[in-house]
Amino acid sequence: MKKDNGIGYLGSEFLLWIFWKSATEETMSLNNLGLGEIKISVEDSITLVSVTGDGYCETVKSPEILKLPSVRESIKKGRLPEAAKIKIASKDLDWSFQIKALPFKISSVKLPITGEKNENEMISVRLIAMTKLELIMKALFNTFLLEREMTDFVDNIKDFLGIAE
């Protein structure tokens, strides 16, 4: 979905959901899809854009981004994530990358380093790591869509942000 001012709501909502989950949950279970437990977090930077069309945009950079009250305050003022640096860890593998809301895409993927010496093994392991990241992202997006349809979804995000009714 897209509003006239160019903000992609589903992508922005997904990034907001990732911010919320990474701030409140140690791990997420993707066991039902055979992917085990993962840890997802917003790392180092998040870009927030006003949904009112006033042109406001800010990029917050900090190693403690999940703990900064200013990020939640900005979201409470009507600014949604447009981009964020994400880290996912699964067992002994971890990935870092950028997610943008519009167009909804992943970029700058840093694949796990596994230490294979043989070039063929290294290529094989990296391809497997890319495939696993794709499966994890699809599972996360599906989980987000399912949770988004729950009746308490909006109330839970409001509670997280500290928005009183």
Protein backbone atom coordinates (compact mmCIF):
# COMPACT_ATOMS: atom_id res chain seq x y z
CA MET A 1 0.00 0.00 0.00
CA LYS A 2 1.16 3.52 -0.73
CA LYS A 3 -0.16 6.91 0.29
CA ASP A 4 0.19 9.97 -1.96
CA ASN A 5 3.24 11.25 -0.09
CA GLY A 6 5.12 8.05 -1.02
CA ILE A 7 5.20 6.30 2.34
CA GLY A 8 4.86 2.55 2.01
CA TYR A 9 2.66 1.61 4.94
CA LEU A 10 3.14 -2.14 4.94
CA GLY A 11 6.92 -1.82 4.75
CA SER A 12 6.90 0.87 7.43
CA GLU A 13 4.61 -1.18 9.66
CA PHE A 14 6.88 -4.21 9.22
CA LEU A 15 9.89 -2.12 10.29
CA LEU A 16 7.93 -0.78 13.27
CA TRP A 17 7.00 -4.37 14.17
CA ILE A 18 10.69 -5.40 13.97
CA PHE A 19 11.63 -2.44 16.19
CA TRP A 20 8.94 -3.43 18.71
CA LYS A 21 9.83 -7.14 18.72
CA SER A 22 13.57 -6.55 18.94
CA ALA A 23 13.05 -4.18 21.88
CA THR A 24 10.74 -6.54 23.80
CA GLU A 25 11.71 -10.13 22.98
CA GLU A 26 15.01 -11.95 23.42
CA THR A 27 14.26 -14.38 20.61
CA MET A 28 11.50 -15.24 18.20
CA SER A 29 10.45 -18.79 17.53
CA LEU A 30 10.21 -19.90 13.91
CA ASN A 31 10.11 -23.56 14.97
CA ASN A 32 6.78 -24.09 13.22
CA LEU A 33 8.62 -23.42 9.94
CA GLY A 34 11.69 -25.48 10.83
CA LEU A 35 13.90 -22.41 11.29
CA GLY A 36 14.38 -22.60 15.06
CA GLU A 37 14.88 -19.64 17.35
CA ILE A 38 16.21 -16.37 15.96
CA LYS A 39 17.27 -13.10 17.48
CA ILE A 40 16.39 -10.02 15.47
CA SER A 41 17.38 -6.47 16.32
CA VAL A 42 17.55 -2.99 14.92
CA GLU A 43 21.25 -2.14 14.95
CA ASP A 44 22.86 1.30 14.87
CA SER A 45 20.39 3.25 12.71
CA ILE A 46 16.76 3.86 11.93
CA THR A 47 15.24 6.48 9.64
CA LEU A 48 11.84 7.88 10.63
CA VAL A 49 9.56 9.79 8.26
CA SER A 50 6.46 11.80 9.08
CA VAL A 51 3.16 10.32 7.90
CA THR A 52 1.51 13.76 7.91
CA GLY A 53 3.27 14.81 4.72
CA ASP A 54 5.16 17.68 6.35
CA GLY A 55 8.46 16.38 4.93
CA TYR A 56 10.02 15.65 8.32
CA CYS A 57 12.68 12.94 8.20
CA GLU A 58 15.31 11.98 10.76
CA THR A 59 17.95 9.29 10.94
CA VAL A 60 18.91 8.20 14.43
CA LYS A 61 22.27 6.48 14.83
CA SER A 62 23.31 4.87 18.06
CA PRO A 63 24.60 1.50 19.27
CA GLU A 64 21.82 1.68 21.91
CA ILE A 65 19.04 2.55 19.45
CA LEU A 66 16.46 0.25 21.04
CA LYS A 67 16.86 1.97 24.41
CA LEU A 68 16.62 5.57 23.18
CA PRO A 69 13.38 7.21 24.33
CA SER A 70 13.72 9.72 21.48
CA VAL A 71 12.96 7.02 18.88
CA ARG A 72 9.72 6.02 20.60
CA GLU A 73 8.80 9.68 21.08
CA SER A 74 9.33 10.36 17.40
CA ILE A 75 7.11 7.39 16.47
CA LYS A 76 4.45 8.65 18.90
CA LYS A 77 4.51 11.97 17.01
CA GLY A 78 3.49 10.23 13.79
CA ARG A 79 6.79 9.19 12.26
CA LEU A 80 7.18 5.68 10.90
CA PRO A 81 10.36 3.80 10.04
CA GLU A 82 11.44 4.22 6.43
CA ALA A 83 14.72 2.31 6.76
CA ALA A 84 16.66 0.44 9.41
CA LYS A 85 19.84 -1.55 9.81
CA ILE A 86 18.89 -5.04 10.96
CA LYS A 87 20.83 -7.93 12.49
CA ILE A 88 19.52 -11.49 12.62
CA ALA A 89 21.23 -14.30 14.51
CA SER A 90 20.27 -17.95 14.13
CA LYS A 91 22.32 -20.60 15.93
CA ASP A 92 25.89 -19.96 14.76
CA LEU A 93 25.01 -17.73 11.78
CA ASP A 94 24.27 -14.02 11.73
CA TRP A 95 23.43 -11.52 9.03
CA SER A 96 23.43 -7.72 8.88
CA PHE A 97 21.55 -5.73 6.27
CA GLN A 98 19.46 -2.68 5.51
CA ILE A 99 15.67 -2.80 5.03
CA LYS A 100 13.87 0.01 3.21
CA ALA A 101 10.10 0.47 3.38
CA LEU A 102 9.61 2.01 -0.07
CA PRO A 103 10.37 0.34 -2.26
CA PHE A 104 10.25 -2.57 0.15
CA LYS A 105 13.67 -4.18 -0.19
CA ILE A 106 16.70 -5.58 1.56
CA SER A 107 20.14 -4.31 0.63
CA SER A 108 23.77 -4.37 1.77
CA VAL A 109 23.54 -7.93 3.11
CA LYS A 110 26.58 -9.04 5.08
CA LEU A 111 26.62 -12.82 5.03
CA PRO A 112 28.01 -14.90 7.89
CA ILE A 113 31.69 -15.79 7.78
CA THR A 114 32.02 -19.50 8.40
CA GLY A 115 35.74 -20.10 7.80
CA GLU A 116 35.76 -22.59 4.94
CA LYS A 117 39.15 -22.76 3.18
CA ASN A 118 38.00 -24.58 0.05
CA GLU A 119 36.46 -22.16 -2.46
CA ASN A 120 33.70 -24.59 -3.51
CA GLU A 121 32.72 -25.23 0.11
CA MET A 122 32.75 -21.49 0.83
CA ILE A 123 30.47 -20.76 -2.15
CA SER A 124 28.14 -23.57 -1.12
CA VAL A 125 27.94 -22.40 2.50
CA ARG A 126 27.31 -18.78 1.41
CA LEU A 127 24.50 -19.87 -0.92
CA ILE A 128 22.95 -21.86 1.91
CA ALA A 129 23.27 -18.80 4.18
CA MET A 130 21.50 -16.60 1.58
CA THR A 131 18.73 -19.17 1.20
CA LYS A 132 18.28 -19.40 4.98
CA LEU A 133 18.09 -15.61 5.27
CA GLU A 134 15.41 -15.56 2.57
CA LEU A 135 13.41 -18.21 4.43
CA ILE A 136 13.77 -16.34 7.72
CA MET A 137 12.64 -13.05 6.18
CA LYS A 138 9.63 -14.70 4.54
CA ALA A 139 8.74 -16.34 7.86
CA LEU A 140 9.12 -13.04 9.74
CA PHE A 141 6.96 -11.19 7.23
CA ASN A 142 4.29 -13.90 7.40
CA THR A 143 4.40 -13.78 11.21
CA PHE A 144 4.03 -10.00 11.07
CA LEU A 145 1.02 -10.28 8.74
CA LEU A 146 -0.65 -12.82 11.02
CA GLU A 147 -0.05 -10.72 14.14
CA ARG A 148 -1.20 -7.58 12.30
CA GLU A 149 -4.64 -9.16 11.89
CA MET A 150 -5.02 -9.87 15.62
CA THR A 151 -7.48 -7.63 17.46
CA ASP A 152 -4.94 -6.53 20.08
CA PHE A 153 -2.12 -5.69 17.63
CA VAL A 154 -2.61 -1.91 17.68
CA ASP A 155 -3.18 -1.85 21.44
CA ASN A 156 0.04 -3.82 22.03
CA ILE A 157 2.08 -1.38 19.92
CA LYS A 158 0.45 1.57 21.71
CA ASP A 159 1.36 0.00 25.07
CA PHE A 160 4.96 -0.47 23.88
CA LEU A 161 5.16 3.15 22.76
CA GLY A 162 3.44 4.44 25.90
CA ILE A 163 0.46 5.92 24.11
CA ALA A 164 -2.48 6.36 26.46
CA GLU A 165 -6.01 6.07 25.15
